[in-house]
């Protein structure tokens, strides 16, 4: 997965962080969780607020 695979990342986060409410997460935590996902293989420095926000929105949609 790459940073641009927002839906795949959101699905994986929903599976790996089932007790987390994505509406109240910090981007620093989100960044670390994405990097820790199995299959994630992208430069940690390529993410930004816009990408993290897109992942968060997709994660919210996934759990609702």
N, C-alpha and C. Protein backbone atom coordinates (compact mmCIF):
# COMPACT_ATOMS: atom_id res chain seq x y z
N UNK A 1 0.84 -1.19 0.00
CA UNK A 1 0.00 0.00 0.00
C UNK A 1 0.88 1.24 0.00
N UNK A 2 0.37 2.24 -0.61
CA UNK A 2 1.03 3.56 -0.65
C UNK A 2 0.10 4.57 0.01
N UNK A 3 0.60 5.76 0.29
CA UNK A 3 -0.20 6.81 0.93
C UNK A 3 -1.47 7.12 0.14
N UNK A 4 -1.42 6.97 -1.16
CA UNK A 4 -2.57 7.31 -2.00
C UNK A 4 -3.67 6.25 -1.98
N UNK A 5 -3.40 5.10 -1.39
CA UNK A 5 -4.38 4.01 -1.30
C UNK A 5 -5.27 4.23 -0.07
N UNK A 6 -5.96 5.36 -0.05
CA UNK A 6 -6.68 5.76 1.16
C UNK A 6 -7.75 4.75 1.58
N UNK A 7 -8.49 4.21 0.64
CA UNK A 7 -9.54 3.26 1.00
C UNK A 7 -8.96 1.98 1.56
N UNK A 8 -7.92 1.46 0.93
CA UNK A 8 -7.27 0.24 1.43
C UNK A 8 -6.70 0.47 2.82
N UNK A 9 -6.11 1.62 3.03
CA UNK A 9 -5.55 1.96 4.34
C UNK A 9 -6.67 2.05 5.37
N UNK A 10 -7.77 2.70 5.01
CA UNK A 10 -8.90 2.84 5.93
C UNK A 10 -9.46 1.48 6.33
N UNK A 11 -9.60 0.58 5.39
CA UNK A 11 -10.10 -0.76 5.68
C UNK A 11 -9.14 -1.49 6.63
N UNK A 12 -7.86 -1.40 6.34
CA UNK A 12 -6.86 -2.05 7.19
C UNK A 12 -6.86 -1.45 8.60
N UNK A 13 -6.99 -0.13 8.70
CA UNK A 13 -7.03 0.50 10.02
C UNK A 13 -8.27 0.07 10.80
N UNK A 14 -9.40 -0.04 10.13
CA UNK A 14 -10.62 -0.48 10.79
C UNK A 14 -10.45 -1.89 11.35
N UNK A 15 -9.69 -2.73 10.65
CA UNK A 15 -9.44 -4.09 11.12
C UNK A 15 -8.41 -4.15 12.22
N UNK A 16 -7.36 -3.33 12.12
CA UNK A 16 -6.25 -3.39 13.08
C UNK A 16 -6.43 -2.49 14.29
N UNK A 17 -7.32 -1.53 14.22
CA UNK A 17 -7.57 -0.61 15.33
C UNK A 17 -9.08 -0.57 15.62
N UNK A 18 -9.70 -1.70 15.93
CA UNK A 18 -11.16 -1.74 16.05
C UNK A 18 -11.72 -0.92 17.21
N UNK A 19 -10.92 -0.64 18.21
CA UNK A 19 -11.40 0.10 19.39
C UNK A 19 -11.17 1.60 19.28
N UNK A 20 -10.65 2.05 18.15
CA UNK A 20 -10.33 3.46 17.98
C UNK A 20 -11.47 4.16 17.23
N UNK A 21 -11.86 5.32 17.74
CA UNK A 21 -12.85 6.15 17.06
C UNK A 21 -12.10 7.09 16.11
N UNK A 22 -12.22 6.89 14.80
CA UNK A 22 -11.43 7.69 13.86
C UNK A 22 -11.82 9.18 13.86
N UNK A 23 -12.94 9.52 14.49
CA UNK A 23 -13.34 10.93 14.53
C UNK A 23 -12.49 11.74 15.50
N UNK A 24 -11.84 11.08 16.44
CA UNK A 24 -11.11 11.81 17.50
C UNK A 24 -9.64 11.42 17.57
N UNK A 25 -9.06 11.04 16.44
CA UNK A 25 -7.65 10.66 16.45
C UNK A 25 -6.75 11.85 16.15
N UNK A 26 -5.53 11.73 16.60
CA UNK A 26 -4.50 12.74 16.27
C UNK A 26 -3.77 12.25 15.02
N UNK A 27 -3.40 13.18 14.18
CA UNK A 27 -2.70 12.81 12.95
C UNK A 27 -1.37 12.15 13.23
N UNK A 28 -0.72 12.48 14.35
CA UNK A 28 0.55 11.83 14.68
C UNK A 28 0.32 10.34 14.96
N UNK A 29 -0.79 10.02 15.64
CA UNK A 29 -1.12 8.61 15.88
C UNK A 29 -1.50 7.92 14.57
N UNK A 30 -2.31 8.58 13.78
CA UNK A 30 -2.73 8.01 12.49
C UNK A 30 -1.52 7.70 11.63
N UNK A 31 -0.59 8.61 11.56
CA UNK A 31 0.63 8.42 10.78
C UNK A 31 1.37 7.17 11.24
N UNK A 32 1.54 7.02 12.54
CA UNK A 32 2.25 5.86 13.09
C UNK A 32 1.51 4.56 12.81
N UNK A 33 0.18 4.58 12.93
CA UNK A 33 -0.61 3.37 12.68
C UNK A 33 -0.53 2.96 11.22
N UNK A 34 -0.55 3.92 10.32
CA UNK A 34 -0.44 3.59 8.89
C UNK A 34 0.91 2.95 8.61
N UNK A 35 1.97 3.53 9.16
CA UNK A 35 3.31 2.98 8.93
C UNK A 35 3.42 1.56 9.46
N UNK A 36 2.68 1.23 10.51
CA UNK A 36 2.75 -0.09 11.13
C UNK A 36 1.88 -1.14 10.44
N UNK A 37 1.06 -0.72 9.48
CA UNK A 37 0.18 -1.68 8.82
C UNK A 37 0.97 -2.69 7.99
N UNK A 38 0.59 -3.97 8.06
CA UNK A 38 1.21 -4.96 7.19
C UNK A 38 0.92 -4.61 5.73
N UNK A 39 1.91 -4.66 4.91
CA UNK A 39 1.72 -4.37 3.49
C UNK A 39 1.90 -2.90 3.13
N UNK A 40 2.08 -2.04 4.14
CA UNK A 40 2.31 -0.63 3.82
C UNK A 40 3.78 -0.46 3.47
N UNK A 41 4.03 0.12 2.31
CA UNK A 41 5.41 0.26 1.83
C UNK A 41 5.55 1.57 1.07
N UNK A 42 5.68 2.65 1.81
CA UNK A 42 5.86 3.96 1.17
C UNK A 42 6.74 4.81 2.08
N UNK A 43 7.25 5.86 1.55
CA UNK A 43 8.13 6.77 2.29
C UNK A 43 7.33 7.46 3.39
N UNK A 44 7.75 7.33 4.65
CA UNK A 44 7.02 7.98 5.75
C UNK A 44 6.90 9.49 5.59
N UNK A 45 7.83 10.09 4.87
CA UNK A 45 7.83 11.55 4.70
C UNK A 45 6.94 12.03 3.57
N UNK A 46 6.32 11.13 2.85
CA UNK A 46 5.47 11.53 1.71
C UNK A 46 4.05 11.88 2.13
N UNK A 47 3.72 11.66 3.38
CA UNK A 47 2.36 11.99 3.83
C UNK A 47 2.32 13.43 4.30
N UNK A 48 1.13 13.97 4.28
CA UNK A 48 0.91 15.32 4.77
C UNK A 48 -0.48 15.39 5.36
N UNK A 49 -0.84 16.56 5.82
CA UNK A 49 -2.14 16.73 6.45
C UNK A 49 -3.28 16.35 5.52
N UNK A 50 -3.15 16.70 4.24
CA UNK A 50 -4.20 16.41 3.27
C UNK A 50 -4.41 14.90 3.11
N UNK A 51 -3.33 14.16 3.00
CA UNK A 51 -3.42 12.70 2.85
C UNK A 51 -3.98 12.07 4.12
N UNK A 52 -3.48 12.50 5.28
CA UNK A 52 -3.96 11.94 6.53
C UNK A 52 -5.45 12.24 6.74
N UNK A 53 -5.87 13.42 6.33
CA UNK A 53 -7.28 13.79 6.44
C UNK A 53 -8.13 12.90 5.53
N UNK A 54 -7.65 12.61 4.33
CA UNK A 54 -8.38 11.75 3.40
C UNK A 54 -8.49 10.33 3.97
N UNK A 55 -7.42 9.84 4.59
CA UNK A 55 -7.45 8.52 5.22
C UNK A 55 -8.45 8.52 6.37
N UNK A 56 -8.42 9.56 7.18
CA UNK A 56 -9.34 9.66 8.31
C UNK A 56 -10.80 9.65 7.83
N UNK A 57 -11.10 10.42 6.80
CA UNK A 57 -12.47 10.47 6.28
C UNK A 57 -12.90 9.09 5.74
N UNK A 58 -12.01 8.41 5.03
CA UNK A 58 -12.33 7.09 4.51
C UNK A 58 -12.53 6.09 5.66
N UNK A 59 -11.75 6.23 6.71
CA UNK A 59 -11.87 5.35 7.87
C UNK A 59 -13.22 5.59 8.56
N UNK A 60 -13.59 6.84 8.71
CA UNK A 60 -14.90 7.17 9.31
C UNK A 60 -16.02 6.55 8.48
N UNK A 61 -15.95 6.69 7.18
CA UNK A 61 -16.96 6.09 6.29
C UNK A 61 -16.99 4.57 6.43
N UNK A 62 -15.83 3.98 6.60
CA UNK A 62 -15.71 2.52 6.69
C UNK A 62 -16.37 1.98 7.97
N UNK A 63 -16.24 2.67 9.06
CA UNK A 63 -16.79 2.16 10.33
C UNK A 63 -18.26 2.53 10.52
N UNK A 64 -18.76 3.45 9.73
CA UNK A 64 -20.18 3.84 9.89
C UNK A 64 -21.12 3.01 9.04
